[in-house]
Amino acid sequence: MSWSRRRLLTAAALLPLGSGLGGALGGCVVRPLYGTLAEGGEGRGTDALAATAIRPIANRSGQQLHNALRDMLNPRGQPAAARYDLAIGLNESLRESGLRRTETSTRGTLTLRADYRLTDRDDGRLLTSGRAQSIVGYNLVDSGYANHAAAQDARERGLRELAQEIRRRLALHFAEAAG
């Protein structure tokens, strides 16, 4: 491609930005999803996330998910004056696949599902709900201890992914609710 042809194509690509399209995009506002606003930012971004109390979740995996979420929503711990309650039901299933000649599995797949419900503490109104899912895999070898350690690592990775997904969805909810 010659030099003058490149300039012509570049100019043609930038032309719509200088005419009508650039003016149409001028009204767009970009806001940080996890940030706070200088004026009236309450109820949005990290303020609303930090005002969310997480109800206890059953079993050890639930406790790990609870702690990961608590650290992501409010690193200072449970809020003293929470405005929202987050209830989570956690379900996990394990599937082994990839058979060897000895008919033993070579691959484990852990599926974690979290059904969450965010409610307003004042009136008990349901604000948002949904299901987050994480699927993590790990290798199975001939050592029982190595398989146990690999399964634990996969569970921890999956729970972190669930916590991140729930945090992202809650932040989006609060951003949309604030307008």
N, C-alpha and C. Protein backbone atom coordinates (compact mmCIF):
# COMPACT_ATOMS: atom_id res chain seq x y z
N MET A 1 0.86 -1.17 0.00
CA MET A 1 0.00 0.00 0.00
C MET A 1 0.90 1.24 0.00
N SER A 2 0.62 2.14 -0.86
CA SER A 2 1.46 3.33 -0.96
C SER A 2 1.15 4.31 0.17
N TRP A 3 2.09 5.24 0.41
CA TRP A 3 1.98 6.22 1.48
C TRP A 3 0.76 7.11 1.31
N SER A 4 0.51 7.59 0.10
CA SER A 4 -0.62 8.49 -0.12
C SER A 4 -1.95 7.75 0.04
N ARG A 5 -1.97 6.48 -0.29
CA ARG A 5 -3.20 5.72 -0.15
C ARG A 5 -3.52 5.52 1.34
N ARG A 6 -2.49 5.29 2.17
CA ARG A 6 -2.68 5.17 3.61
C ARG A 6 -3.25 6.45 4.19
N ARG A 7 -2.70 7.57 3.78
CA ARG A 7 -3.22 8.86 4.27
C ARG A 7 -4.67 9.05 3.89
N LEU A 8 -5.02 8.69 2.67
CA LEU A 8 -6.39 8.84 2.19
C LEU A 8 -7.34 7.96 3.02
N LEU A 9 -6.95 6.70 3.28
CA LEU A 9 -7.80 5.81 4.07
C LEU A 9 -7.92 6.29 5.52
N THR A 10 -6.83 6.78 6.08
CA THR A 10 -6.87 7.31 7.45
C THR A 10 -7.78 8.52 7.53
N ALA A 11 -7.68 9.41 6.57
CA ALA A 11 -8.53 10.60 6.54
C ALA A 11 -9.99 10.20 6.36
N ALA A 12 -10.26 9.21 5.53
CA ALA A 12 -11.64 8.76 5.31
C ALA A 12 -12.21 8.14 6.58
N ALA A 13 -11.36 7.43 7.33
CA ALA A 13 -11.84 6.81 8.57
C ALA A 13 -12.14 7.85 9.64
N LEU A 14 -11.37 8.94 9.66
CA LEU A 14 -11.56 9.97 10.67
C LEU A 14 -12.61 11.00 10.30
N LEU A 15 -13.03 11.03 9.06
CA LEU A 15 -13.98 12.03 8.58
C LEU A 15 -15.31 12.00 9.33
N PRO A 16 -15.90 10.82 9.57
CA PRO A 16 -17.17 10.83 10.30
C PRO A 16 -17.05 11.38 11.71
N LEU A 17 -15.89 11.20 12.35
CA LEU A 17 -15.71 11.73 13.70
C LEU A 17 -15.72 13.26 13.71
N GLY A 18 -15.22 13.85 12.66
CA GLY A 18 -15.18 15.30 12.61
C GLY A 18 -16.51 15.90 12.24
N SER A 19 -17.36 15.16 11.56
CA SER A 19 -18.65 15.72 11.15
C SER A 19 -19.75 15.35 12.13
N GLY A 20 -20.66 14.51 11.76
CA GLY A 20 -21.85 14.25 12.57
C GLY A 20 -21.65 13.30 13.72
N LEU A 21 -20.84 12.25 13.55
CA LEU A 21 -20.71 11.23 14.57
C LEU A 21 -20.03 11.77 15.84
N GLY A 22 -19.00 12.59 15.66
CA GLY A 22 -18.32 13.16 16.82
C GLY A 22 -19.26 14.01 17.65
N GLY A 23 -20.14 14.76 17.02
CA GLY A 23 -21.12 15.57 17.75
C GLY A 23 -22.13 14.71 18.47
N ALA A 24 -22.49 13.57 17.86
CA ALA A 24 -23.46 12.68 18.49
C ALA A 24 -22.87 12.02 19.73
N LEU A 25 -21.58 11.75 19.71
CA LEU A 25 -20.95 11.12 20.85
C LEU A 25 -20.58 12.11 21.95
N GLY A 26 -20.70 13.37 21.68
CA GLY A 26 -20.34 14.39 22.65
C GLY A 26 -21.18 14.35 23.91
N GLY A 27 -22.41 13.83 23.82
CA GLY A 27 -23.29 13.77 24.98
C GLY A 27 -23.08 12.54 25.84
N CYS A 28 -22.19 11.64 25.43
CA CYS A 28 -21.94 10.42 26.20
C CYS A 28 -21.16 10.75 27.47
N VAL A 29 -21.50 10.04 28.54
CA VAL A 29 -20.82 10.24 29.81
C VAL A 29 -20.23 8.90 30.22
N VAL A 30 -18.97 8.91 30.57
CA VAL A 30 -18.30 7.71 31.05
C VAL A 30 -18.13 7.86 32.55
N ARG A 31 -18.66 6.88 33.30
CA ARG A 31 -18.56 6.91 34.75
C ARG A 31 -17.85 5.66 35.23
N PRO A 32 -17.01 5.77 36.24
CA PRO A 32 -16.36 4.56 36.77
C PRO A 32 -17.39 3.69 37.47
N LEU A 33 -17.32 2.38 37.23
CA LEU A 33 -18.29 1.46 37.81
C LEU A 33 -18.11 1.33 39.32
N TYR A 34 -16.88 1.27 39.80
CA TYR A 34 -16.63 1.05 41.22
C TYR A 34 -16.25 2.33 41.95
N GLY A 35 -16.31 3.46 41.30
CA GLY A 35 -15.92 4.72 41.92
C GLY A 35 -17.08 5.38 42.62
N THR A 36 -16.77 6.48 43.30
CA THR A 36 -17.80 7.29 43.93
C THR A 36 -17.86 8.62 43.21
N LEU A 37 -18.97 9.27 43.30
CA LEU A 37 -19.13 10.56 42.66
C LEU A 37 -18.86 11.66 43.67
N ALA A 38 -18.32 12.76 43.19
CA ALA A 38 -17.99 13.88 44.09
C ALA A 38 -19.25 14.49 44.67
N GLU A 39 -20.29 14.61 43.86
CA GLU A 39 -21.52 15.23 44.35
C GLU A 39 -22.65 14.21 44.39
N GLY A 40 -23.14 13.93 45.56
CA GLY A 40 -24.28 13.02 45.71
C GLY A 40 -23.99 11.61 45.28
N GLY A 41 -22.81 11.10 45.53
CA GLY A 41 -22.45 9.78 45.07
C GLY A 41 -22.96 8.65 45.94
N GLU A 42 -23.69 8.95 46.99
CA GLU A 42 -24.16 7.92 47.88
C GLU A 42 -25.13 7.00 47.16
N GLY A 43 -25.06 5.72 47.47
CA GLY A 43 -25.93 4.76 46.82
C GLY A 43 -25.39 4.29 45.49
N ARG A 44 -24.21 4.66 45.15
CA ARG A 44 -23.62 4.29 43.87
C ARG A 44 -22.20 3.83 44.09
N GLY A 45 -21.72 2.96 43.25
CA GLY A 45 -20.32 2.54 43.29
C GLY A 45 -19.95 1.88 44.59
N THR A 46 -18.78 2.21 45.09
CA THR A 46 -18.28 1.54 46.28
C THR A 46 -19.07 1.88 47.53
N ASP A 47 -19.75 3.04 47.58
CA ASP A 47 -20.56 3.38 48.75
C ASP A 47 -21.68 2.37 48.95
N ALA A 48 -22.39 2.05 47.88
CA ALA A 48 -23.50 1.11 47.99
C ALA A 48 -23.00 -0.31 48.24
N LEU A 49 -21.90 -0.69 47.62
CA LEU A 49 -21.34 -2.02 47.86
C LEU A 49 -20.92 -2.17 49.32
N ALA A 50 -20.30 -1.12 49.86
CA ALA A 50 -19.83 -1.17 51.24
C ALA A 50 -20.98 -1.19 52.24
N ALA A 51 -22.17 -0.80 51.83
CA ALA A 51 -23.35 -0.78 52.71
C ALA A 51 -24.14 -2.07 52.61
N THR A 52 -23.53 -3.13 52.05
CA THR A 52 -24.21 -4.40 51.87
C THR A 52 -23.71 -5.42 52.89
N ALA A 53 -24.63 -5.95 53.69
CA ALA A 53 -24.30 -7.00 54.66
C ALA A 53 -24.55 -8.35 54.00
N ILE A 54 -23.62 -9.26 54.18
CA ILE A 54 -23.74 -10.60 53.59
C ILE A 54 -24.19 -11.55 54.68
N ARG A 55 -25.29 -12.24 54.41
CA ARG A 55 -25.80 -13.21 55.38
C ARG A 55 -24.91 -14.45 55.37
N PRO A 56 -24.84 -15.18 56.47
CA PRO A 56 -24.01 -16.39 56.52
C PRO A 56 -24.42 -17.40 55.44
N ILE A 57 -23.43 -18.08 54.87
CA ILE A 57 -23.65 -19.08 53.83
C ILE A 57 -23.21 -20.43 54.40
N ALA A 58 -24.02 -21.46 54.19
CA ALA A 58 -23.77 -22.77 54.78
C ALA A 58 -22.48 -23.41 54.26
N ASN A 59 -21.85 -24.22 55.05
CA ASN A 59 -20.67 -25.06 54.87
C ASN A 59 -19.38 -24.28 54.64
N ARG A 60 -18.28 -25.00 54.54
CA ARG A 60 -16.95 -24.38 54.44
C ARG A 60 -16.80 -23.57 53.15
N SER A 61 -17.27 -24.08 52.02
CA SER A 61 -17.20 -23.33 50.76
C SER A 61 -18.00 -22.05 50.86
N GLY A 62 -19.14 -22.12 51.52
CA GLY A 62 -19.95 -20.92 51.72
C GLY A 62 -19.24 -19.89 52.57
N GLN A 63 -18.53 -20.36 53.58
CA GLN A 63 -17.76 -19.45 54.43
C GLN A 63 -16.65 -18.78 53.62
N GLN A 64 -15.99 -19.53 52.75
CA GLN A 64 -14.94 -18.96 51.91
C GLN A 64 -15.51 -17.93 50.93
N LEU A 65 -16.68 -18.24 50.35
CA LEU A 65 -17.33 -17.29 49.44
C LEU A 65 -17.73 -16.04 50.20
N HIS A 66 -18.28 -16.21 51.40
CA HIS A 66 -18.68 -15.08 52.23
C HIS A 66 -17.49 -14.16 52.50
N ASN A 67 -16.36 -14.74 52.89
CA ASN A 67 -15.18 -13.94 53.20
C ASN A 67 -14.62 -13.24 51.96
N ALA A 68 -14.60 -13.92 50.83
CA ALA A 68 -14.12 -13.29 49.59
C ALA A 68 -15.02 -12.13 49.19
N LEU A 69 -16.33 -12.33 49.29
CA LEU A 69 -17.28 -11.25 48.97
C LEU A 69 -17.15 -10.08 49.94
N ARG A 70 -17.03 -10.39 51.21
CA ARG A 70 -16.89 -9.33 52.22
C ARG A 70 -15.66 -8.48 51.92
N ASP A 71 -14.56 -9.13 51.57
CA ASP A 71 -13.33 -8.39 51.26
C ASP A 71 -13.47 -7.55 50.00
N MET A 72 -14.26 -8.03 49.03
CA MET A 72 -14.43 -7.29 47.78
C MET A 72 -15.44 -6.15 47.92
N LEU A 73 -16.48 -6.37 48.70
CA LEU A 73 -17.51 -5.34 48.84
C LEU A 73 -17.08 -4.26 49.84
N ASN A 74 -16.52 -4.69 50.96
CA ASN A 74 -16.12 -3.75 52.00
C ASN A 74 -14.93 -4.33 52.75
N PRO A 75 -13.72 -3.93 52.39
CA PRO A 75 -12.53 -4.50 53.02
C PRO A 75 -12.46 -4.27 54.53
N ARG A 76 -13.26 -3.37 55.07
CA ARG A 76 -13.23 -3.10 56.51
C ARG A 76 -14.13 -4.06 57.29
N GLY A 77 -14.77 -5.01 56.62
CA GLY A 77 -15.63 -5.98 57.30
C GLY A 77 -17.10 -5.69 57.05
N GLN A 78 -17.96 -6.33 57.82
CA GLN A 78 -19.40 -6.10 57.67
C GLN A 78 -19.71 -4.66 58.05
N PRO A 79 -20.58 -4.00 57.30
CA PRO A 79 -20.91 -2.61 57.62
C PRO A 79 -21.68 -2.49 58.93
N ALA A 80 -21.40 -1.43 59.67
CA ALA A 80 -22.09 -1.20 60.95
C ALA A 80 -23.54 -0.80 60.71
N ALA A 81 -23.78 0.02 59.69
CA ALA A 81 -25.14 0.47 59.37
C ALA A 81 -25.46 0.05 57.94
N ALA A 82 -25.72 -1.23 57.75
CA ALA A 82 -25.99 -1.75 56.40
C ALA A 82 -27.35 -1.29 55.90
N ARG A 83 -27.42 -1.00 54.61
CA ARG A 83 -28.70 -0.64 53.97
C ARG A 83 -29.26 -1.79 53.15
N TYR A 84 -28.40 -2.78 52.82
CA TYR A 84 -28.81 -3.88 51.96
C TYR A 84 -28.39 -5.20 52.58
N ASP A 85 -29.17 -6.25 52.30
CA ASP A 85 -28.83 -7.61 52.71
C ASP A 85 -28.61 -8.46 51.48
N LEU A 86 -27.55 -9.25 51.49
CA LEU A 86 -27.25 -10.16 50.39
C LEU A 86 -27.32 -11.58 50.92
N ALA A 87 -28.26 -12.36 50.39
CA ALA A 87 -28.41 -13.77 50.77
C ALA A 87 -27.97 -14.62 49.59
N ILE A 88 -27.19 -15.66 49.87
CA ILE A 88 -26.63 -16.50 48.81
C ILE A 88 -26.84 -17.96 49.16
N GLY A 89 -27.30 -18.72 48.18
CA GLY A 89 -27.37 -20.17 48.28
C GLY A 89 -26.32 -20.75 47.36
N LEU A 90 -25.44 -21.58 47.89
CA LEU A 90 -24.32 -22.12 47.11
C LEU A 90 -24.53 -23.60 46.85
N ASN A 91 -24.27 -24.01 45.61
CA ASN A 91 -24.42 -25.40 45.20
C ASN A 91 -23.17 -25.78 44.42
N GLU A 92 -22.62 -26.94 44.70
CA GLU A 92 -21.44 -27.38 43.94
C GLU A 92 -21.60 -28.82 43.50
N SER A 93 -21.05 -29.11 42.32
CA SER A 93 -21.07 -30.48 41.81
C SER A 93 -19.72 -30.78 41.18
N LEU A 94 -19.32 -32.03 41.29
CA LEU A 94 -18.03 -32.48 40.79
C LEU A 94 -18.26 -33.58 39.76
N ARG A 95 -17.55 -33.47 38.64
CA ARG A 95 -17.65 -34.49 37.58
C ARG A 95 -16.24 -34.90 37.21
N GLU A 96 -16.02 -36.19 37.11
CA GLU A 96 -14.73 -36.71 36.68
C GLU A 96 -14.87 -37.26 35.28
N SER A 97 -13.85 -37.03 34.45
CA SER A 97 -13.90 -37.48 33.05
C SER A 97 -12.50 -37.78 32.57
N GLY A 98 -12.35 -38.09 31.31
CA GLY A 98 -11.04 -38.37 30.72
C GLY A 98 -10.48 -39.67 31.23
N LEU A 99 -11.03 -40.79 30.82
CA LEU A 99 -10.64 -42.09 31.35
C LEU A 99 -9.31 -42.59 30.78
N ARG A 100 -8.53 -43.21 31.66
CA ARG A 100 -7.31 -43.92 31.26
C ARG A 100 -7.67 -45.35 30.89
N ARG A 101 -6.69 -46.11 30.47
CA ARG A 101 -6.93 -47.53 30.17
C ARG A 101 -7.37 -48.30 31.41
N THR A 102 -6.93 -47.83 32.56
CA THR A 102 -7.31 -48.49 33.82
C THR A 102 -8.69 -48.05 34.31
N GLU A 103 -9.38 -47.29 33.48
CA GLU A 103 -10.71 -46.77 33.78
C GLU A 103 -10.72 -45.86 35.00
N THR A 104 -9.63 -45.13 35.20
CA THR A 104 -9.59 -44.09 36.23
C THR A 104 -9.64 -42.73 35.54
N SER A 105 -10.20 -41.76 36.21
CA SER A 105 -10.36 -40.43 35.62
C SER A 105 -9.05 -39.68 35.58
N THR A 106 -8.93 -38.79 34.61
CA THR A 106 -7.75 -37.94 34.50
C THR A 106 -8.08 -36.46 34.66
N ARG A 107 -9.35 -36.15 34.72
CA ARG A 107 -9.76 -34.74 34.78
C ARG A 107 -10.95 -34.59 35.71
N GLY A 108 -10.90 -33.57 36.55
CA GLY A 108 -12.02 -33.24 37.42
C GLY A 108 -12.57 -31.87 37.04
N THR A 109 -13.88 -31.75 37.04
CA THR A 109 -14.53 -30.48 36.73
C THR A 109 -15.48 -30.14 37.88
N LEU A 110 -15.23 -28.99 38.50
CA LEU A 110 -16.04 -28.53 39.61
C LEU A 110 -16.93 -27.39 39.13
N THR A 111 -18.24 -27.54 39.32
CA THR A 111 -19.19 -26.50 38.95
C THR A 111 -19.77 -25.90 40.22
N LEU A 112 -19.63 -24.59 40.36
CA LEU A 112 -20.16 -23.87 41.51
C LEU A 112 -21.25 -22.92 41.04
N ARG A 113 -22.41 -22.96 41.69
CA ARG A 113 -23.53 -22.07 41.36
C ARG A 113 -23.95 -21.34 42.62
N ALA A 114 -24.10 -20.03 42.47
CA ALA A 114 -24.54 -19.21 43.61
C ALA A 114 -25.80 -18.46 43.20
N ASP A 115 -26.90 -18.74 43.87
CA ASP A 115 -28.14 -17.98 43.68
C ASP A 115 -28.13 -16.87 44.72
N TYR A 116 -28.20 -15.62 44.26
CA TYR A 116 -28.11 -14.49 45.19
C TYR A 116 -29.36 -13.64 45.12
N ARG A 117 -29.66 -12.99 46.26
CA ARG A 117 -30.80 -12.08 46.37
C ARG A 117 -30.36 -10.87 47.18
N LEU A 118 -30.51 -9.69 46.60
CA LEU A 118 -30.19 -8.45 47.29
C LEU A 118 -31.49 -7.78 47.68
N THR A 119 -31.66 -7.51 48.97
CA THR A 119 -32.89 -6.87 49.46
C THR A 119 -32.55 -5.58 50.20
N ASP A 120 -33.53 -4.69 50.22
CA ASP A 120 -33.42 -3.44 50.96
C ASP A 120 -33.76 -3.73 52.41
N ARG A 121 -32.93 -3.30 53.32
CA ARG A 121 -33.15 -3.57 54.75
C ARG A 121 -34.35 -2.80 55.30
N ASP A 122 -34.65 -1.63 54.75
CA ASP A 122 -35.74 -0.82 55.28
C ASP A 122 -37.10 -1.46 55.07
N ASP A 123 -37.36 -1.90 53.84
CA ASP A 123 -38.70 -2.42 53.54
C ASP A 123 -38.71 -3.87 53.08
N GLY A 124 -37.55 -4.53 53.03
CA GLY A 124 -37.49 -5.93 52.63
C GLY A 124 -37.73 -6.17 51.15
N ARG A 125 -37.75 -5.10 50.37
CA ARG A 125 -38.03 -5.19 48.93
C ARG A 125 -36.85 -5.84 48.22
N LEU A 126 -37.15 -6.77 47.29
CA LEU A 126 -36.13 -7.41 46.49
C LEU A 126 -35.62 -6.42 45.45
N LEU A 127 -34.31 -6.14 45.47
CA LEU A 127 -33.72 -5.19 44.53
C LEU A 127 -33.20 -5.88 43.28
N THR A 128 -32.53 -7.00 43.47
CA THR A 128 -32.04 -7.77 42.33
C THR A 128 -31.74 -9.19 42.79
N SER A 129 -31.76 -10.09 41.85
CA SER A 129 -31.41 -11.48 42.15
C SER A 129 -30.85 -12.11 40.89
N GLY A 130 -30.21 -13.23 41.05
CA GLY A 130 -29.66 -13.91 39.89
C GLY A 130 -28.85 -15.13 40.30
N ARG A 131 -28.22 -15.71 39.28
CA ARG A 131 -27.37 -16.89 39.49
C ARG A 131 -26.03 -16.64 38.84
N ALA A 132 -24.98 -16.81 39.61
CA ALA A 132 -23.62 -16.74 39.09
C ALA A 132 -23.07 -18.16 39.08
N GLN A 133 -22.25 -18.44 38.09
CA GLN A 133 -21.71 -19.79 37.96
C GLN A 133 -20.24 -19.74 37.62
N SER A 134 -19.51 -20.69 38.14
CA SER A 134 -18.09 -20.83 37.84
C SER A 134 -17.81 -22.31 37.59
N ILE A 135 -17.10 -22.59 36.50
CA ILE A 135 -16.71 -23.96 36.18
C ILE A 135 -15.19 -23.98 36.12
N VAL A 136 -14.58 -24.78 36.97
CA VAL A 136 -13.12 -24.89 37.00
C VAL A 136 -12.72 -26.35 36.86
N GLY A 137 -11.61 -26.56 36.20
CA GLY A 137 -11.12 -27.91 35.98
C GLY A 137 -9.76 -28.10 36.61
N TYR A 138 -9.42 -29.35 36.83
CA TYR A 138 -8.11 -29.69 37.39
C TYR A 138 -7.76 -31.11 36.97
N ASN A 139 -6.47 -31.40 36.99
CA ASN A 139 -5.98 -32.72 36.60
C ASN A 139 -6.02 -33.68 37.77
N LEU A 140 -6.31 -34.94 37.47
CA LEU A 140 -6.27 -36.00 38.46
C LEU A 140 -5.07 -36.89 38.14
N VAL A 141 -4.31 -37.20 39.16
CA VAL A 141 -3.12 -38.04 38.99
C VAL A 141 -3.23 -39.26 39.89
N ASP A 142 -2.17 -40.03 40.01
CA ASP A 142 -2.22 -41.26 40.81
C ASP A 142 -2.10 -41.01 42.31
N SER A 143 -1.74 -39.81 42.72
CA SER A 143 -1.57 -39.49 44.13
C SER A 143 -2.88 -38.94 44.72
N GLY A 144 -3.35 -39.57 45.76
CA GLY A 144 -4.58 -39.11 46.42
C GLY A 144 -4.43 -37.72 47.02
N TYR A 145 -3.27 -37.47 47.63
CA TYR A 145 -3.04 -36.15 48.22
C TYR A 145 -2.99 -35.07 47.15
N ALA A 146 -2.32 -35.34 46.03
CA ALA A 146 -2.24 -34.36 44.94
C ALA A 146 -3.63 -34.07 44.38
N ASN A 147 -4.47 -35.09 44.28
CA ASN A 147 -5.84 -34.89 43.80
C ASN A 147 -6.65 -34.05 44.77
N HIS A 148 -6.46 -34.30 46.06
CA HIS A 148 -7.16 -33.50 47.08
C HIS A 148 -6.71 -32.04 47.02
N ALA A 149 -5.41 -31.82 46.92
CA ALA A 149 -4.87 -30.45 46.83
C ALA A 149 -5.35 -29.75 45.57
N ALA A 150 -5.39 -30.48 44.45
CA ALA A 150 -5.86 -29.88 43.19
C ALA A 150 -7.34 -29.53 43.28
N ALA A 151 -8.14 -30.37 43.92
CA ALA A 151 -9.57 -30.09 44.08
C ALA A 151 -9.77 -28.88 44.98
N GLN A 152 -9.00 -28.76 46.05
CA GLN A 152 -9.10 -27.60 46.95
C GLN A 152 -8.72 -26.31 46.21
N ASP A 153 -7.66 -26.36 45.43
CA ASP A 153 -7.23 -25.19 44.67
C ASP A 153 -8.31 -24.79 43.65
N ALA A 154 -8.89 -25.78 42.98
CA ALA A 154 -9.96 -25.49 42.01
C ALA A 154 -11.15 -24.86 42.72
N ARG A 155 -11.50 -25.36 43.89
CA ARG A 155 -12.63 -24.80 44.65
C ARG A 155 -12.35 -23.34 45.03
N GLU A 156 -11.14 -23.06 45.51
CA GLU A 156 -10.79 -21.69 45.89
C GLU A 156 -10.83 -20.75 44.68
N ARG A 157 -10.32 -21.21 43.54
CA ARG A 157 -10.37 -20.39 42.31
C ARG A 157 -11.81 -20.13 41.89
N GLY A 158 -12.62 -21.18 41.94
CA GLY A 158 -14.03 -21.04 41.55
C GLY A 158 -14.79 -20.09 42.46
N LEU A 159 -14.52 -20.17 43.76
CA LEU A 159 -15.20 -19.28 44.71
C LEU A 159 -14.78 -17.83 44.51
N ARG A 160 -13.50 -17.59 44.21
CA ARG A 160 -13.06 -16.23 43.90
C ARG A 160 -13.75 -15.70 42.65
N GLU A 161 -13.87 -16.55 41.62
CA GLU A 161 -14.57 -16.14 40.40
C GLU A 161 -16.03 -15.80 40.69
N LEU A 162 -16.69 -16.63 41.51
CA LEU A 162 -18.08 -16.35 41.89
C LEU A 162 -18.19 -15.01 42.61
N ALA A 163 -17.30 -14.77 43.56
CA ALA A 163 -17.33 -13.52 44.32
C ALA A 163 -17.15 -12.33 43.38
N GLN A 164 -16.22 -12.43 42.44
CA GLN A 164 -15.99 -11.33 41.49
C GLN A 164 -17.21 -11.10 40.61
N GLU A 165 -17.84 -12.19 40.17
CA GLU A 165 -19.02 -12.06 39.31
C GLU A 165 -20.19 -11.43 40.08
N ILE A 166 -20.41 -11.86 41.30
CA ILE A 166 -21.50 -11.29 42.10
C ILE A 166 -21.22 -9.81 42.38
N ARG A 167 -19.99 -9.47 42.70
CA ARG A 167 -19.63 -8.06 42.94
C ARG A 167 -19.88 -7.23 41.68
N ARG A 168 -19.50 -7.75 40.53
CA ARG A 168 -19.71 -7.03 39.27
C ARG A 168 -21.20 -6.81 39.02
N ARG A 169 -22.00 -7.83 39.25
CA ARG A 169 -23.45 -7.70 39.02
C ARG A 169 -24.09 -6.72 39.99
N LEU A 170 -23.66 -6.74 41.25
CA LEU A 170 -24.20 -5.79 42.22
C LEU A 170 -23.80 -4.36 41.86
N ALA A 171 -22.56 -4.17 41.44
CA ALA A 171 -22.10 -2.83 41.04
C ALA A 171 -22.90 -2.34 39.85
N LEU A 172 -23.17 -3.21 38.89
CA LEU A 172 -24.00 -2.82 37.74
C LEU A 172 -25.41 -2.46 38.17
N HIS A 173 -25.96 -3.24 39.09
CA HIS A 173 -27.30 -2.93 39.59
C HIS A 173 -27.35 -1.55 40.22
N PHE A 174 -26.39 -1.26 41.10
CA PHE A 174 -26.36 0.04 41.77
C PHE A 174 -26.13 1.19 40.78
N ALA A 175 -25.30 0.95 39.77
CA ALA A 175 -25.05 1.99 38.76
C ALA A 175 -26.31 2.26 37.94
N GLU A 176 -27.03 1.21 37.56
CA GLU A 176 -28.27 1.39 36.80
C GLU A 176 -29.36 2.03 37.64
N ALA A 177 -29.46 1.65 38.91
CA ALA A 177 -30.48 2.21 39.79
C ALA A 177 -30.26 3.69 40.03
N ALA A 178 -28.99 4.11 40.03
CA ALA A 178 -28.68 5.52 40.28
C ALA A 178 -28.91 6.36 39.03
N GLY A 179 -29.06 5.71 37.91
CA GLY A 179 -29.34 6.46 36.68
C GLY A 179 -28.15 6.68 35.91
